[in-house]
């Protein structure tokens, strides 16, 4: 998945075809366009072997479960937390970031796990592209924009020719 900014940039650089669009617009003083919801690449781009470090991929890796209280949440109720706080030299990496609900993140603040008496469910590590792909197939389709459904075959039985 691409951000809308990367998608619009790719449109202007003529690297993609617009297949479908959202109803929302992006505009500037000199242009206005609907934001693309589905694009196709004009040229093949080989997959990176490393997954992108994104908030969504962290949530996906952790199954949308707060790693402190072991409760499942919707995306909008989640944040991510640095195990070693940034204020204490912690970096933003797969190994130092976990999914957290807002309440647990607030309770922990910039303290260490030991200081607040928290334990994590599992030690965080960089996921493989494959593991994220498998987990994404279990991601509820009602979270997806309607325009994506024709292009994703997660819930459908494929026909034989």
N, C-alpha and C. Protein backbone atom coordinates (compact mmCIF):
# COMPACT_ATOMS: atom_id res chain seq x y z
N UNK A 1 0.84 -1.17 0.00
CA UNK A 1 0.00 0.00 0.00
C UNK A 1 0.88 1.24 0.00
N UNK A 2 0.42 2.25 -0.70
CA UNK A 2 1.14 3.51 -0.82
C UNK A 2 0.36 4.61 -0.13
N UNK A 3 1.06 5.62 0.34
CA UNK A 3 0.39 6.80 0.88
C UNK A 3 -0.21 7.57 -0.30
N UNK A 4 -1.18 8.42 -0.01
CA UNK A 4 -1.78 9.20 -1.09
C UNK A 4 -0.74 10.14 -1.70
N UNK A 5 0.19 10.64 -0.89
CA UNK A 5 1.22 11.56 -1.42
C UNK A 5 2.13 10.84 -2.41
N UNK A 6 2.57 9.63 -2.05
CA UNK A 6 3.42 8.85 -2.97
C UNK A 6 2.67 8.50 -4.25
N UNK A 7 1.38 8.22 -4.10
CA UNK A 7 0.56 7.86 -5.26
C UNK A 7 0.41 9.04 -6.20
N UNK A 8 0.09 10.21 -5.66
CA UNK A 8 -0.06 11.41 -6.50
C UNK A 8 1.26 11.74 -7.18
N UNK A 9 2.35 11.62 -6.46
CA UNK A 9 3.67 11.87 -7.05
C UNK A 9 3.93 10.90 -8.20
N UNK A 10 3.60 9.62 -8.02
CA UNK A 10 3.80 8.62 -9.07
C UNK A 10 2.93 8.92 -10.29
N UNK A 11 1.73 9.46 -10.07
CA UNK A 11 0.86 9.84 -11.19
C UNK A 11 1.53 10.95 -12.00
N UNK A 12 2.03 11.97 -11.31
CA UNK A 12 2.68 13.09 -12.01
C UNK A 12 3.97 12.68 -12.70
N UNK A 13 4.65 11.69 -12.17
CA UNK A 13 5.88 11.20 -12.81
C UNK A 13 5.57 10.17 -13.90
N UNK A 14 4.28 9.92 -14.13
CA UNK A 14 3.80 9.00 -15.17
C UNK A 14 4.33 7.57 -14.97
N UNK A 15 4.40 7.15 -13.71
CA UNK A 15 4.88 5.80 -13.39
C UNK A 15 3.74 4.81 -13.16
N UNK A 16 2.51 5.32 -13.04
CA UNK A 16 1.37 4.46 -12.74
C UNK A 16 0.17 4.83 -13.60
N UNK A 17 -0.75 3.89 -13.70
CA UNK A 17 -2.06 4.13 -14.31
C UNK A 17 -3.08 4.19 -13.18
N UNK A 18 -4.02 5.11 -13.27
CA UNK A 18 -5.08 5.19 -12.27
C UNK A 18 -6.18 4.22 -12.69
N UNK A 19 -6.50 3.28 -11.80
CA UNK A 19 -7.52 2.28 -12.08
C UNK A 19 -8.84 2.68 -11.43
N UNK A 20 -8.77 3.24 -10.22
CA UNK A 20 -9.97 3.66 -9.51
C UNK A 20 -9.61 4.83 -8.60
N UNK A 21 -10.62 5.59 -8.19
CA UNK A 21 -10.37 6.80 -7.40
C UNK A 21 -11.32 6.89 -6.22
N UNK A 22 -10.86 7.60 -5.18
CA UNK A 22 -11.74 7.95 -4.06
C UNK A 22 -12.59 9.15 -4.48
N UNK A 23 -13.56 9.51 -3.66
CA UNK A 23 -14.38 10.69 -3.93
C UNK A 23 -13.70 11.97 -3.46
N UNK A 24 -12.63 11.85 -2.68
CA UNK A 24 -11.92 13.02 -2.17
C UNK A 24 -10.94 13.55 -3.22
N UNK A 25 -10.70 14.85 -3.11
CA UNK A 25 -9.79 15.52 -4.05
C UNK A 25 -8.55 16.01 -3.32
N UNK A 26 -7.49 16.14 -4.09
CA UNK A 26 -6.30 16.83 -3.64
C UNK A 26 -6.14 18.00 -4.61
N UNK A 27 -5.79 19.16 -4.07
CA UNK A 27 -5.71 20.31 -4.97
C UNK A 27 -4.59 21.25 -4.56
N UNK A 28 -4.23 22.06 -5.52
CA UNK A 28 -3.26 23.13 -5.30
C UNK A 28 -3.81 24.32 -6.09
N UNK A 29 -3.14 25.44 -6.08
CA UNK A 29 -3.64 26.58 -6.86
C UNK A 29 -3.76 26.29 -8.36
N UNK A 30 -2.96 25.35 -8.86
CA UNK A 30 -2.95 25.12 -10.31
C UNK A 30 -3.62 23.84 -10.78
N UNK A 31 -4.04 22.95 -9.87
CA UNK A 31 -4.71 21.72 -10.31
C UNK A 31 -5.61 21.16 -9.22
N UNK A 32 -6.48 20.25 -9.65
CA UNK A 32 -7.36 19.52 -8.74
C UNK A 32 -7.55 18.14 -9.32
N UNK A 33 -7.38 17.10 -8.50
CA UNK A 33 -7.59 15.74 -8.99
C UNK A 33 -8.16 14.87 -7.88
N UNK A 34 -8.92 13.84 -8.29
CA UNK A 34 -9.39 12.86 -7.32
C UNK A 34 -8.20 12.03 -6.86
N UNK A 35 -8.21 11.63 -5.60
CA UNK A 35 -7.12 10.82 -5.07
C UNK A 35 -7.29 9.38 -5.57
N UNK A 36 -6.26 8.83 -6.20
CA UNK A 36 -6.35 7.44 -6.68
C UNK A 36 -6.51 6.46 -5.52
N UNK A 37 -7.40 5.48 -5.68
CA UNK A 37 -7.56 4.44 -4.66
C UNK A 37 -6.92 3.12 -5.12
N UNK A 38 -6.87 2.92 -6.43
CA UNK A 38 -6.22 1.73 -7.00
C UNK A 38 -5.40 2.18 -8.19
N UNK A 39 -4.16 1.73 -8.22
CA UNK A 39 -3.26 2.07 -9.34
C UNK A 39 -2.62 0.79 -9.86
N UNK A 40 -2.10 0.88 -11.06
CA UNK A 40 -1.27 -0.20 -11.59
C UNK A 40 0.05 0.40 -12.03
N UNK A 41 1.11 -0.34 -11.79
CA UNK A 41 2.44 0.14 -12.16
C UNK A 41 2.66 -0.01 -13.66
N UNK A 42 3.32 0.95 -14.25
CA UNK A 42 3.65 0.86 -15.67
C UNK A 42 4.87 -0.02 -15.89
N UNK A 43 5.76 -0.07 -14.91
CA UNK A 43 6.95 -0.92 -14.99
C UNK A 43 7.03 -1.76 -13.73
N UNK A 44 7.52 -2.98 -13.87
CA UNK A 44 7.67 -3.89 -12.74
C UNK A 44 8.71 -3.35 -11.77
N UNK A 45 8.38 -3.37 -10.49
CA UNK A 45 9.33 -2.99 -9.45
C UNK A 45 9.52 -4.23 -8.57
N UNK A 46 10.74 -4.78 -8.55
CA UNK A 46 10.95 -5.98 -7.73
C UNK A 46 10.70 -5.70 -6.25
N UNK A 47 10.16 -6.71 -5.57
CA UNK A 47 9.89 -6.59 -4.14
C UNK A 47 11.19 -6.48 -3.36
N UNK A 48 11.14 -5.64 -2.36
CA UNK A 48 12.24 -5.59 -1.40
C UNK A 48 12.08 -6.82 -0.50
N UNK A 49 13.16 -7.35 -0.05
CA UNK A 49 13.08 -8.50 0.84
C UNK A 49 12.76 -8.09 2.27
N UNK A 50 12.90 -6.81 2.54
CA UNK A 50 12.60 -6.31 3.88
C UNK A 50 11.24 -5.60 3.85
N UNK A 51 10.39 -5.89 4.82
CA UNK A 51 9.10 -5.20 4.85
C UNK A 51 9.28 -3.74 5.27
N UNK A 52 8.40 -2.89 4.78
CA UNK A 52 8.44 -1.48 5.16
C UNK A 52 8.07 -1.34 6.63
N UNK A 53 8.81 -0.49 7.33
CA UNK A 53 8.47 -0.23 8.73
C UNK A 53 7.39 0.84 8.73
N UNK A 54 6.15 0.42 8.91
CA UNK A 54 5.02 1.34 8.98
C UNK A 54 4.21 1.01 10.23
N UNK A 55 3.44 1.97 10.66
CA UNK A 55 2.56 1.77 11.81
C UNK A 55 1.63 0.57 11.56
N UNK A 56 1.03 0.52 10.37
CA UNK A 56 0.11 -0.57 10.05
C UNK A 56 0.82 -1.92 10.10
N UNK A 57 2.05 -2.00 9.56
CA UNK A 57 2.77 -3.27 9.58
C UNK A 57 3.16 -3.70 10.99
N UNK A 58 3.42 -2.74 11.87
CA UNK A 58 3.68 -3.08 13.28
C UNK A 58 2.40 -3.68 13.88
N UNK A 59 1.25 -3.03 13.64
CA UNK A 59 -0.02 -3.55 14.15
C UNK A 59 -0.29 -4.94 13.59
N UNK A 60 -0.03 -5.11 12.30
CA UNK A 60 -0.25 -6.40 11.65
C UNK A 60 0.66 -7.47 12.25
N UNK A 61 1.93 -7.14 12.43
CA UNK A 61 2.87 -8.08 13.05
C UNK A 61 2.36 -8.55 14.40
N UNK A 62 1.81 -7.60 15.18
CA UNK A 62 1.35 -7.89 16.54
C UNK A 62 -0.12 -8.29 16.59
N UNK A 63 -0.73 -8.55 15.44
CA UNK A 63 -2.13 -9.00 15.34
C UNK A 63 -3.13 -8.02 15.94
N UNK A 64 -2.81 -6.72 15.92
CA UNK A 64 -3.70 -5.67 16.43
C UNK A 64 -3.99 -5.87 17.92
N UNK A 65 -3.02 -6.49 18.61
CA UNK A 65 -3.15 -6.76 20.05
C UNK A 65 -2.14 -5.90 20.80
N UNK A 66 -2.63 -5.20 21.83
CA UNK A 66 -1.73 -4.43 22.69
C UNK A 66 -0.77 -5.41 23.35
N UNK A 67 0.50 -5.15 23.21
CA UNK A 67 1.51 -6.07 23.72
C UNK A 67 1.68 -5.97 25.23
N UNK A 68 0.95 -5.06 25.87
CA UNK A 68 1.02 -4.92 27.32
C UNK A 68 -0.21 -5.53 28.00
N UNK A 69 -1.42 -5.23 27.52
CA UNK A 69 -2.63 -5.71 28.19
C UNK A 69 -3.27 -6.91 27.49
N UNK A 70 -2.73 -7.31 26.34
CA UNK A 70 -3.19 -8.50 25.61
C UNK A 70 -4.64 -8.38 25.12
N UNK A 71 -5.08 -7.17 24.79
CA UNK A 71 -6.43 -6.97 24.26
C UNK A 71 -6.32 -6.55 22.80
N UNK A 72 -7.29 -7.01 22.00
CA UNK A 72 -7.33 -6.67 20.58
C UNK A 72 -8.10 -5.37 20.41
N UNK A 73 -7.60 -4.51 19.51
CA UNK A 73 -8.22 -3.20 19.29
C UNK A 73 -8.35 -2.93 17.80
N UNK A 74 -9.20 -1.97 17.47
CA UNK A 74 -9.28 -1.49 16.10
C UNK A 74 -8.11 -0.55 15.87
N UNK A 75 -7.75 -0.38 14.62
CA UNK A 75 -6.58 0.42 14.25
C UNK A 75 -6.61 1.81 14.88
N UNK A 76 -7.76 2.46 14.84
CA UNK A 76 -7.85 3.84 15.34
C UNK A 76 -7.61 3.93 16.85
N UNK A 77 -7.69 2.81 17.56
CA UNK A 77 -7.49 2.81 19.01
C UNK A 77 -6.06 2.44 19.40
N UNK A 78 -5.22 2.20 18.39
CA UNK A 78 -3.86 1.74 18.65
C UNK A 78 -2.82 2.81 18.37
N UNK A 79 -1.70 2.64 18.99
CA UNK A 79 -0.53 3.45 18.73
C UNK A 79 0.66 2.50 18.83
N UNK A 80 1.85 3.00 18.57
CA UNK A 80 2.98 2.12 18.88
C UNK A 80 3.85 2.76 19.93
N UNK A 81 4.55 1.90 20.66
CA UNK A 81 5.33 2.36 21.80
C UNK A 81 6.76 1.87 21.68
N UNK A 82 7.69 2.73 22.07
CA UNK A 82 9.11 2.35 22.09
C UNK A 82 9.40 1.65 23.42
N UNK A 83 9.91 0.43 23.37
CA UNK A 83 10.25 -0.30 24.60
C UNK A 83 11.29 0.48 25.39
N UNK A 84 12.39 0.83 24.73
CA UNK A 84 13.35 1.76 25.31
C UNK A 84 12.93 3.13 24.79
N UNK A 85 12.43 3.99 25.66
CA UNK A 85 11.91 5.28 25.20
C UNK A 85 12.94 6.08 24.40
N UNK A 86 12.45 6.84 23.45
CA UNK A 86 13.34 7.69 22.64
C UNK A 86 14.09 8.67 23.52
N UNK A 87 13.44 9.11 24.59
CA UNK A 87 14.09 10.06 25.51
C UNK A 87 15.28 9.43 26.24
N UNK A 88 15.35 8.09 26.20
CA UNK A 88 16.47 7.38 26.84
C UNK A 88 17.35 6.69 25.80
N UNK A 89 17.30 7.20 24.56
CA UNK A 89 18.18 6.68 23.52
C UNK A 89 17.59 5.58 22.66
N UNK A 90 16.33 5.22 22.90
CA UNK A 90 15.69 4.17 22.10
C UNK A 90 15.47 4.63 20.67
N UNK A 91 15.58 3.69 19.74
CA UNK A 91 15.39 4.03 18.33
C UNK A 91 14.08 3.44 17.82
N UNK A 92 13.62 3.97 16.71
CA UNK A 92 12.41 3.46 16.08
C UNK A 92 12.84 2.33 15.16
N UNK A 93 12.60 1.11 15.61
CA UNK A 93 12.99 -0.07 14.84
C UNK A 93 12.03 -1.21 15.16
N UNK A 94 12.06 -2.23 14.32
CA UNK A 94 11.21 -3.40 14.55
C UNK A 94 11.44 -3.99 15.94
N UNK A 95 12.67 -3.97 16.40
CA UNK A 95 13.04 -4.62 17.66
C UNK A 95 12.74 -3.77 18.90
N UNK A 96 12.43 -2.48 18.71
CA UNK A 96 12.19 -1.60 19.85
C UNK A 96 10.78 -1.03 19.89
N UNK A 97 9.93 -1.41 18.94
CA UNK A 97 8.59 -0.85 18.86
C UNK A 97 7.56 -1.97 18.94
N UNK A 98 6.52 -1.75 19.75
CA UNK A 98 5.42 -2.71 19.85
C UNK A 98 4.08 -1.98 19.74
N UNK A 99 3.05 -2.74 19.42
CA UNK A 99 1.69 -2.22 19.38
C UNK A 99 1.21 -1.99 20.80
N UNK A 100 0.56 -0.85 21.01
CA UNK A 100 0.07 -0.50 22.34
C UNK A 100 -1.29 0.19 22.20
N UNK A 101 -2.17 -0.09 23.15
CA UNK A 101 -3.41 0.69 23.19
C UNK A 101 -3.06 2.05 23.80
N UNK A 102 -3.94 3.00 23.61
CA UNK A 102 -3.67 4.36 24.09
C UNK A 102 -3.49 4.41 25.61
N UNK A 103 -4.33 3.65 26.33
CA UNK A 103 -4.25 3.67 27.79
C UNK A 103 -2.91 3.13 28.29
N UNK A 104 -2.48 1.98 27.76
CA UNK A 104 -1.19 1.41 28.19
C UNK A 104 -0.03 2.32 27.80
N UNK A 105 -0.12 2.93 26.63
CA UNK A 105 0.94 3.84 26.19
C UNK A 105 1.02 5.04 27.14
N UNK A 106 -0.14 5.54 27.54
CA UNK A 106 -0.19 6.67 28.47
C UNK A 106 0.39 6.27 29.82
N UNK A 107 0.02 5.06 30.32
CA UNK A 107 0.53 4.59 31.61
C UNK A 107 2.04 4.43 31.59
N UNK A 108 2.57 3.92 30.48
CA UNK A 108 4.01 3.68 30.39
C UNK A 108 4.77 4.99 30.23
N UNK A 109 4.25 5.88 29.41
CA UNK A 109 4.92 7.16 29.18
C UNK A 109 6.34 6.95 28.71
N UNK A 110 7.27 7.68 29.29
CA UNK A 110 8.68 7.56 28.88
C UNK A 110 9.48 6.74 29.89
N UNK A 111 8.79 5.82 30.56
CA UNK A 111 9.46 4.97 31.54
C UNK A 111 9.82 3.63 30.90
N UNK A 112 10.68 2.89 31.58
CA UNK A 112 11.03 1.55 31.11
C UNK A 112 9.93 0.57 31.53
N UNK A 113 9.94 -0.60 30.93
CA UNK A 113 8.96 -1.63 31.29
C UNK A 113 9.07 -1.97 32.78
N UNK A 114 10.29 -2.06 33.25
CA UNK A 114 10.54 -2.42 34.65
C UNK A 114 9.97 -1.35 35.59
N UNK A 115 10.13 -0.09 35.23
CA UNK A 115 9.66 1.01 36.08
C UNK A 115 8.14 0.99 36.27
N UNK A 116 7.40 0.55 35.23
CA UNK A 116 5.94 0.53 35.33
C UNK A 116 5.39 -0.86 35.59
N UNK A 117 6.26 -1.85 35.65
CA UNK A 117 5.83 -3.22 35.93
C UNK A 117 5.13 -3.90 34.76
N UNK A 118 5.41 -3.45 33.54
CA UNK A 118 4.81 -4.06 32.35
C UNK A 118 5.68 -5.21 31.84
N UNK A 119 5.02 -6.17 31.25
CA UNK A 119 5.72 -7.24 30.52
C UNK A 119 5.11 -7.25 29.12
N UNK A 120 5.92 -7.63 28.13
CA UNK A 120 5.39 -7.70 26.77
C UNK A 120 5.05 -9.15 26.44
N UNK A 121 4.07 -9.32 25.56
CA UNK A 121 3.61 -10.66 25.19
C UNK A 121 4.69 -11.45 24.47
N UNK A 122 5.38 -10.78 23.55
CA UNK A 122 6.44 -11.46 22.80
C UNK A 122 7.51 -10.45 22.43
N UNK A 123 8.72 -10.92 22.32
CA UNK A 123 9.82 -10.03 21.94
C UNK A 123 9.64 -9.59 20.50
N UNK A 124 9.66 -8.29 20.26
CA UNK A 124 9.45 -7.81 18.90
C UNK A 124 10.64 -8.10 18.00
N UNK A 125 10.35 -8.45 16.76
CA UNK A 125 11.39 -8.66 15.77
C UNK A 125 10.86 -8.29 14.39
N UNK A 126 11.76 -8.11 13.46
CA UNK A 126 11.36 -7.76 12.10
C UNK A 126 10.62 -8.94 11.49
N UNK A 127 9.40 -8.71 10.99
CA UNK A 127 8.66 -9.80 10.36
C UNK A 127 9.16 -10.03 8.93
N UNK A 128 8.83 -11.16 8.39
CA UNK A 128 9.16 -11.40 6.98
C UNK A 128 8.03 -10.84 6.12
N UNK A 129 8.33 -10.58 4.85
CA UNK A 129 7.28 -10.16 3.92
C UNK A 129 6.18 -11.21 3.89
N UNK A 130 6.60 -12.48 3.88
CA UNK A 130 5.65 -13.59 3.80
C UNK A 130 4.69 -13.58 4.99
N UNK A 131 5.23 -13.43 6.21
CA UNK A 131 4.36 -13.46 7.39
C UNK A 131 3.35 -12.31 7.38
N UNK A 132 3.78 -11.13 6.93
CA UNK A 132 2.85 -10.01 6.84
C UNK A 132 1.79 -10.25 5.77
N UNK A 133 2.19 -10.85 4.67
CA UNK A 133 1.24 -11.15 3.60
C UNK A 133 0.18 -12.14 4.09
N UNK A 134 0.61 -13.17 4.80
CA UNK A 134 -0.33 -14.15 5.35
C UNK A 134 -1.27 -13.49 6.35
N UNK A 135 -0.73 -12.68 7.24
CA UNK A 135 -1.57 -12.00 8.24
C UNK A 135 -2.54 -11.02 7.58
N UNK A 136 -2.10 -10.37 6.50
CA UNK A 136 -2.98 -9.39 5.85
C UNK A 136 -4.19 -10.06 5.22
N UNK A 137 -4.07 -11.33 4.87
CA UNK A 137 -5.22 -12.05 4.31
C UNK A 137 -6.31 -12.26 5.35
N UNK A 138 -5.93 -12.23 6.61
CA UNK A 138 -6.91 -12.38 7.69
C UNK A 138 -7.46 -11.04 8.15
N UNK A 139 -6.92 -9.95 7.59
CA UNK A 139 -7.39 -8.62 7.96
C UNK A 139 -8.82 -8.47 7.48
N UNK A 140 -9.75 -8.10 8.34
CA UNK A 140 -11.17 -8.04 7.93
C UNK A 140 -11.39 -7.14 6.72
N UNK A 141 -12.08 -7.68 5.73
CA UNK A 141 -12.28 -6.93 4.49
C UNK A 141 -13.17 -5.71 4.68
N UNK A 142 -13.96 -5.67 5.75
CA UNK A 142 -14.80 -4.48 5.96
C UNK A 142 -13.99 -3.26 6.37
N UNK A 143 -12.68 -3.43 6.62
CA UNK A 143 -11.80 -2.31 6.90
C UNK A 143 -11.28 -1.69 5.60
N UNK A 144 -11.50 -2.38 4.49
CA UNK A 144 -10.93 -1.94 3.22
C UNK A 144 -11.90 -1.05 2.47
N UNK A 145 -11.37 -0.12 1.71
CA UNK A 145 -12.21 0.75 0.91
C UNK A 145 -12.90 -0.08 -0.18
N UNK A 146 -14.14 0.26 -0.45
CA UNK A 146 -14.95 -0.48 -1.42
C UNK A 146 -14.25 -0.62 -2.78
N UNK A 147 -13.54 0.41 -3.21
CA UNK A 147 -12.90 0.38 -4.53
C UNK A 147 -11.79 -0.65 -4.62
N UNK A 148 -11.30 -1.16 -3.49
CA UNK A 148 -10.21 -2.14 -3.51
C UNK A 148 -10.73 -3.56 -3.74
N UNK A 149 -11.98 -3.80 -3.40
CA UNK A 149 -12.50 -5.18 -3.35
C UNK A 149 -12.40 -5.93 -4.67
N UNK A 150 -12.56 -5.25 -5.79
CA UNK A 150 -12.47 -5.93 -7.09
C UNK A 150 -11.05 -6.39 -7.41
N UNK A 151 -10.08 -5.88 -6.69
CA UNK A 151 -8.68 -6.16 -7.01
C UNK A 151 -8.01 -7.07 -5.98
N UNK A 152 -8.71 -7.39 -4.92
CA UNK A 152 -8.16 -8.26 -3.88
C UNK A 152 -9.01 -9.52 -3.81
N UNK A 153 -8.37 -10.65 -3.83
CA UNK A 153 -9.08 -11.92 -3.89
C UNK A 153 -9.00 -12.66 -2.57
N UNK A 154 -9.03 -11.97 -1.47
CA UNK A 154 -8.83 -12.59 -0.18
C UNK A 154 -9.99 -13.47 0.23
N UNK A 155 -11.20 -13.13 -0.14
CA UNK A 155 -12.36 -13.86 0.34
C UNK A 155 -13.08 -14.63 -0.76
N UNK A 156 -12.53 -14.64 -1.95
CA UNK A 156 -13.28 -15.23 -3.04
C UNK A 156 -12.65 -16.52 -3.55
N UNK A 157 -13.51 -17.38 -4.05
CA UNK A 157 -13.06 -18.62 -4.68
C UNK A 157 -12.78 -18.29 -6.13
N UNK A 158 -11.61 -18.66 -6.60
CA UNK A 158 -11.24 -18.36 -7.97
C UNK A 158 -11.87 -19.37 -8.92
N UNK A 159 -12.30 -18.88 -10.06
CA UNK A 159 -12.90 -19.74 -11.07
C UNK A 159 -11.82 -20.38 -11.92
N UNK A 160 -12.08 -21.60 -12.36
CA UNK A 160 -11.17 -22.27 -13.29
C UNK A 160 -11.64 -21.98 -14.70
N UNK A 161 -10.71 -21.77 -15.60
CA UNK A 161 -11.07 -21.51 -17.00
C UNK A 161 -11.28 -22.81 -17.74
